[in-house]
PDB file of N, CA and C in Angstrom:
ATOM      1  N   UNK A   1      94.720 -69.353  -8.553  1.00  0.00           N
ATOM      2  CA  UNK A   1      93.820 -68.226  -8.700  1.00  0.00           C
ATOM      3  C   UNK A   1      94.428 -66.976  -8.066  1.00  0.00           C
ATOM      4  N   UNK A   2      95.188 -67.160  -6.984  1.00  0.00           N
ATOM      5  CA  UNK A   2      95.774 -66.009  -6.306  1.00  0.00           C
ATOM      6  C   UNK A   2      96.898 -65.367  -7.107  1.00  0.00           C
ATOM      7  N   UNK A   3      97.445 -66.074  -8.066  1.00  0.00           N
ATOM      8  CA  UNK A   3      98.498 -65.521  -8.908  1.00  0.00           C
ATOM      9  C   UNK A   3      97.910 -64.902 -10.171  1.00  0.00           C
ATOM     10  N   UNK A   4      96.826 -65.451 -10.645  1.00  0.00           N
ATOM     11  CA  UNK A   4      96.245 -65.013 -11.910  1.00  0.00           C
ATOM     12  C   UNK A   4      95.643 -63.613 -11.809  1.00  0.00           C
ATOM     13  N   UNK A   5      94.967 -63.322 -10.714  1.00  0.00           N
ATOM     14  CA  UNK A   5      94.298 -62.024 -10.570  1.00  0.00           C
ATOM     15  C   UNK A   5      95.300 -60.865 -10.576  1.00  0.00           C
ATOM     16  N   UNK A   6      96.366 -60.899  -9.754  1.00  0.00           N
ATOM     17  CA  UNK A   6      97.338 -59.797  -9.839  1.00  0.00           C
ATOM     18  C   UNK A   6      98.031 -59.706 -11.193  1.00  0.00           C
ATOM     19  N   UNK A   7      98.259 -60.854 -11.822  1.00  0.00           N
ATOM     20  CA  UNK A   7      98.879 -60.846 -13.146  1.00  0.00           C
ATOM     21  C   UNK A   7      97.965 -60.164 -14.162  1.00  0.00           C
ATOM     22  N   UNK A   8      96.685 -60.480 -14.127  1.00  0.00           N
ATOM     23  CA  UNK A   8      95.743 -59.824 -15.037  1.00  0.00           C
ATOM     24  C   UNK A   8      95.654 -58.327 -14.758  1.00  0.00           C
ATOM     25  N   UNK A   9      95.695 -57.948 -13.487  1.00  0.00           N
ATOM     26  CA  UNK A   9      95.677 -56.523 -13.154  1.00  0.00           C
ATOM     27  C   UNK A   9      96.901 -55.807 -13.713  1.00  0.00           C
ATOM     28  N   UNK A  10      98.057 -56.426 -13.604  1.00  0.00           N
ATOM     29  CA  UNK A  10      99.271 -55.832 -14.160  1.00  0.00           C
ATOM     30  C   UNK A  10      99.207 -55.736 -15.678  1.00  0.00           C
ATOM     31  N   UNK A  11      98.655 -56.748 -16.317  1.00  0.00           N
ATOM     32  CA  UNK A  11      98.505 -56.710 -17.771  1.00  0.00           C
ATOM     33  C   UNK A  11      97.527 -55.610 -18.202  1.00  0.00           C
ATOM     34  N   UNK A  12      96.467 -55.412 -17.431  1.00  0.00           N
ATOM     35  CA  UNK A  12      95.505 -54.358 -17.737  1.00  0.00           C
ATOM     36  C   UNK A  12      96.169 -52.990 -17.625  1.00  0.00           C
ATOM     37  N   UNK A  13      96.914 -52.782 -16.555  1.00  0.00           N
ATOM     38  CA  UNK A  13      97.607 -51.506 -16.366  1.00  0.00           C
ATOM     39  C   UNK A  13      98.657 -51.295 -17.450  1.00  0.00           C
ATOM     40  N   UNK A  14      99.384 -52.348 -17.805  1.00  0.00           N
ATOM     41  CA  UNK A  14     100.383 -52.246 -18.863  1.00  0.00           C
ATOM     42  C   UNK A  14      99.766 -51.913 -20.210  1.00  0.00           C
ATOM     43  N   UNK A  15      98.641 -52.520 -20.510  1.00  0.00           N
ATOM     44  CA  UNK A  15      97.959 -52.235 -21.767  1.00  0.00           C
ATOM     45  C   UNK A  15      97.455 -50.797 -21.804  1.00  0.00           C
ATOM     46  N   UNK A  16      96.960 -50.324 -20.675  1.00  0.00           N
ATOM     47  CA  UNK A  16      96.494 -48.943 -20.602  1.00  0.00           C
ATOM     48  C   UNK A  16      97.657 -47.964 -20.762  1.00  0.00           C
ATOM     49  N   UNK A  17      98.792 -48.277 -20.154  1.00  0.00           N
ATOM     50  CA  UNK A  17      99.976 -47.423 -20.290  1.00  0.00           C
ATOM     51  C   UNK A  17     100.483 -47.419 -21.728  1.00  0.00           C
ATOM     52  N   UNK A  18     100.454 -48.568 -22.369  1.00  0.00           N
ATOM     53  CA  UNK A  18     100.879 -48.640 -23.770  1.00  0.00           C
ATOM     54  C   UNK A  18      99.961 -47.812 -24.667  1.00  0.00           C
ATOM     55  N   UNK A  19      98.653 -47.876 -24.401  1.00  0.00           N
ATOM     56  CA  UNK A  19      97.705 -47.084 -25.197  1.00  0.00           C
ATOM     57  C   UNK A  19      97.938 -45.593 -24.987  1.00  0.00           C
ATOM     58  N   UNK A  20      98.212 -45.193 -23.750  1.00  0.00           N
ATOM     59  CA  UNK A  20      98.484 -43.786 -23.479  1.00  0.00           C
ATOM     60  C   UNK A  20      99.759 -43.331 -24.174  1.00  0.00           C
ATOM     61  N   UNK A  21     100.777 -44.160 -24.128  1.00  0.00           N
ATOM     62  CA  UNK A  21     102.042 -43.836 -24.804  1.00  0.00           C
ATOM     63  C   UNK A  21     101.841 -43.720 -26.310  1.00  0.00           C
ATOM     64  N   UNK A  22     101.088 -44.636 -26.859  1.00  0.00           N
ATOM     65  CA  UNK A  22     100.816 -44.613 -28.297  1.00  0.00           C
ATOM     66  C   UNK A  22      99.996 -43.385 -28.675  1.00  0.00           C
ATOM     67  N   UNK A  23      99.079 -43.004 -27.815  1.00  0.00           N
ATOM     68  CA  UNK A  23      98.226 -41.855 -28.094  1.00  0.00           C
ATOM     69  C   UNK A  23      99.005 -40.548 -28.012  1.00  0.00           C
ATOM     70  N   UNK A  24      99.863 -40.416 -27.020  1.00  0.00           N
ATOM     71  CA  UNK A  24     100.580 -39.154 -26.836  1.00  0.00           C
ATOM     72  C   UNK A  24     101.701 -38.957 -27.852  1.00  0.00           C
ATOM     73  N   UNK A  25     102.237 -40.024 -28.375  1.00  0.00           N
ATOM     74  CA  UNK A  25     103.306 -39.900 -29.363  1.00  0.00           C
ATOM     75  C   UNK A  25     102.778 -39.634 -30.769  1.00  0.00           C
ATOM     76  N   UNK A  26     101.481 -39.700 -30.942  1.00  0.00           N
ATOM     77  CA  UNK A  26     100.897 -39.393 -32.241  1.00  0.00           C
ATOM     78  C   UNK A  26     101.166 -40.453 -33.290  1.00  0.00           C
ATOM     79  N   UNK A  27     101.306 -41.672 -32.870  1.00  0.00           N
ATOM     80  CA  UNK A  27     101.570 -42.749 -33.811  1.00  0.00           C
ATOM     81  C   UNK A  27     100.307 -43.228 -34.505  1.00  0.00           C
ATOM     82  N   UNK A  28     100.358 -44.454 -34.917  1.00  0.00           N
ATOM     83  CA  UNK A  28      99.235 -45.066 -35.623  1.00  0.00           C
ATOM     84  C   UNK A  28      98.056 -45.238 -34.662  1.00  0.00           C
ATOM     85  N   UNK A  29      96.885 -44.695 -34.994  1.00  0.00           N
ATOM     86  CA  UNK A  29      95.735 -44.826 -34.092  1.00  0.00           C
ATOM     87  C   UNK A  29      95.263 -46.272 -33.933  1.00  0.00           C
ATOM     88  N   UNK A  30      95.597 -47.120 -34.901  1.00  0.00           N
ATOM     89  CA  UNK A  30      95.192 -48.528 -34.787  1.00  0.00           C
ATOM     90  C   UNK A  30      95.887 -49.212 -33.628  1.00  0.00           C
ATOM     91  N   UNK A  31      97.114 -48.789 -33.305  1.00  0.00           N
ATOM     92  CA  UNK A  31      97.813 -49.354 -32.142  1.00  0.00           C
ATOM     93  C   UNK A  31      97.085 -49.010 -30.850  1.00  0.00           C
ATOM     94  N   UNK A  32      96.632 -47.779 -30.769  1.00  0.00           N
ATOM     95  CA  UNK A  32      95.898 -47.357 -29.576  1.00  0.00           C
ATOM     96  C   UNK A  32      94.608 -48.149 -29.434  1.00  0.00           C
ATOM     97  N   UNK A  33      93.905 -48.321 -30.528  1.00  0.00           N
ATOM     98  CA  UNK A  33      92.652 -49.071 -30.501  1.00  0.00           C
ATOM     99  C   UNK A  33      92.905 -50.527 -30.112  1.00  0.00           C
ATOM    100  N   UNK A  34      93.950 -51.131 -30.644  1.00  0.00           N
ATOM    101  CA  UNK A  34      94.272 -52.517 -30.299  1.00  0.00           C
ATOM    102  C   UNK A  34      94.616 -52.659 -28.822  1.00  0.00           C
ATOM    103  N   UNK A  35      95.382 -51.700 -28.294  1.00  0.00           N
ATOM    104  CA  UNK A  35      95.759 -51.756 -26.880  1.00  0.00           C
ATOM    105  C   UNK A  35      94.536 -51.590 -25.984  1.00  0.00           C
ATOM    106  N   UNK A  36      93.641 -50.681 -26.351  1.00  0.00           N
ATOM    107  CA  UNK A  36      92.442 -50.484 -25.544  1.00  0.00           C
ATOM    108  C   UNK A  36      91.484 -51.667 -25.671  1.00  0.00           C
ATOM    109  N   UNK A  37      91.431 -52.283 -26.847  1.00  0.00           N
ATOM    110  CA  UNK A  37      90.619 -53.482 -27.022  1.00  0.00           C
ATOM    111  C   UNK A  37      91.158 -54.619 -26.163  1.00  0.00           C
ATOM    112  N   UNK A  38      92.469 -54.758 -26.125  1.00  0.00           N
ATOM    113  CA  UNK A  38      93.085 -55.779 -25.276  1.00  0.00           C
ATOM    114  C   UNK A  38      92.759 -55.516 -23.809  1.00  0.00           C
ATOM    115  N   UNK A  39      92.773 -54.243 -23.404  1.00  0.00           N
ATOM    116  CA  UNK A  39      92.456 -53.907 -22.025  1.00  0.00           C
ATOM    117  C   UNK A  39      91.023 -54.291 -21.677  1.00  0.00           C
ATOM    118  N   UNK A  40      90.098 -54.052 -22.590  1.00  0.00           N
ATOM    119  CA  UNK A  40      88.703 -54.419 -22.349  1.00  0.00           C
ATOM    120  C   UNK A  40      88.554 -55.934 -22.241  1.00  0.00           C
ATOM    121  N   UNK A  41      89.211 -56.658 -23.118  1.00  0.00           N
ATOM    122  CA  UNK A  41      89.143 -58.126 -23.082  1.00  0.00           C
ATOM    123  C   UNK A  41      89.727 -58.655 -21.769  1.00  0.00           C
ATOM    124  N   UNK A  42      90.855 -58.102 -21.344  1.00  0.00           N
ATOM    125  CA  UNK A  42      91.456 -58.528 -20.086  1.00  0.00           C
ATOM    126  C   UNK A  42      90.564 -58.187 -18.898  1.00  0.00           C
ATOM    127  N   UNK A  43      89.923 -57.037 -18.935  1.00  0.00           N
ATOM    128  CA  UNK A  43      89.032 -56.640 -17.841  1.00  0.00           C
ATOM    129  C   UNK A  43      87.820 -57.564 -17.757  1.00  0.00           C
ATOM    130  N   UNK A  44      87.258 -57.899 -18.891  1.00  0.00           N
ATOM    131  CA  UNK A  44      86.117 -58.819 -18.907  1.00  0.00           C
ATOM    132  C   UNK A  44      86.549 -60.201 -18.426  1.00  0.00           C
ATOM    133  N   UNK A  45      87.736 -60.631 -18.828  1.00  0.00           N
ATOM    134  CA  UNK A  45      88.253 -61.927 -18.374  1.00  0.00           C
ATOM    135  C   UNK A  45      88.454 -61.938 -16.863  1.00  0.00           C
ATOM    136  N   UNK A  46      88.998 -60.862 -16.338  1.00  0.00           N
ATOM    137  CA  UNK A  46      89.197 -60.766 -14.894  1.00  0.00           C
ATOM    138  C   UNK A  46      87.867 -60.802 -14.163  1.00  0.00           C
ATOM    139  N   UNK A  47      86.898 -60.067 -14.647  1.00  0.00           N
ATOM    140  CA  UNK A  47      85.579 -60.061 -14.028  1.00  0.00           C
ATOM    141  C   UNK A  47      84.956 -61.457 -14.060  1.00  0.00           C
ATOM    142  N   UNK A  48      85.044 -62.130 -15.204  1.00  0.00           N
ATOM    143  CA  UNK A  48      84.484 -63.480 -15.320  1.00  0.00           C
ATOM    144  C   UNK A  48      85.210 -64.457 -14.403  1.00  0.00           C
ATOM    145  N   UNK A  49      86.507 -64.312 -14.278  1.00  0.00           N
ATOM    146  CA  UNK A  49      87.277 -65.188 -13.400  1.00  0.00           C
ATOM    147  C   UNK A  49      86.885 -64.996 -11.942  1.00  0.00           C
ATOM    148  N   UNK A  50      86.729 -63.758 -11.523  1.00  0.00           N
ATOM    149  CA  UNK A  50      86.333 -63.485 -10.140  1.00  0.00           C
ATOM    150  C   UNK A  50      84.915 -63.996  -9.870  1.00  0.00           C
ATOM    151  N   UNK A  51      84.019 -63.786 -10.814  1.00  0.00           N
ATOM    152  CA  UNK A  51      82.648 -64.264 -10.629  1.00  0.00           C
ATOM    153  C   UNK A  51      82.581 -65.795 -10.606  1.00  0.00           C
ATOM    154  N   UNK A  52      83.363 -66.443 -11.460  1.00  0.00           N
ATOM    155  CA  UNK A  52      83.385 -67.911 -11.460  1.00  0.00           C
ATOM    156  C   UNK A  52      83.997 -68.430 -10.150  1.00  0.00           C
ATOM    157  N   UNK A  53      85.025 -67.779  -9.671  1.00  0.00           N
ATOM    158  CA  UNK A  53      85.618 -68.178  -8.402  1.00  0.00           C
ATOM    159  C   UNK A  53      84.648 -68.016  -7.254  1.00  0.00           C
ATOM    160  N   UNK A  54      83.884 -66.960  -7.273  1.00  0.00           N
ATOM    161  CA  UNK A  54      82.878 -66.734  -6.233  1.00  0.00           C
ATOM    162  C   UNK A  54      81.765 -67.773  -6.328  1.00  0.00           C
ATOM    163  N   UNK A  55      81.356 -68.103  -7.553  1.00  0.00           N
ATOM    164  CA  UNK A  55      80.275 -69.071  -7.758  1.00  0.00           C
ATOM    165  C   UNK A  55      80.684 -70.467  -7.303  1.00  0.00           C
ATOM    166  N   UNK A  56      81.918 -70.863  -7.616  1.00  0.00           N
ATOM    167  CA  UNK A  56      82.370 -72.203  -7.275  1.00  0.00           C
ATOM    168  C   UNK A  56      83.004 -72.297  -5.898  1.00  0.00           C
ATOM    169  N   UNK A  57      83.009 -71.196  -5.161  1.00  0.00           N
ATOM    170  CA  UNK A  57      83.467 -71.227  -3.788  1.00  0.00           C
ATOM    171  C   UNK A  57      84.964 -71.178  -3.610  1.00  0.00           C
ATOM    172  N   UNK A  58      85.695 -70.775  -4.626  1.00  0.00           N
ATOM    173  CA  UNK A  58      87.134 -70.661  -4.487  1.00  0.00           C
ATOM    174  C   UNK A  58      87.529 -69.395  -3.760  1.00  0.00           C
ATOM    175  N   UNK A  59      86.580 -68.463  -3.595  1.00  0.00           N
ATOM    176  CA  UNK A  59      86.870 -67.206  -2.912  1.00  0.00           C
ATOM    177  C   UNK A  59      85.925 -67.015  -1.793  1.00  0.00           C
TER     178      UNK A  59
END
């Protein structure tokens, strides 16, 4: 669990950076939407993981 949380945080930041890069370069807007959708999914997963860890006493 201690490795998964920082990894998810890095993936969230990477996805956000990719969306910003895609947005500023004026490329396909679908890429930006996909990157931001991935960021939302990762954020929800991280939140659920932290809440489950708290519920089951792992944290």
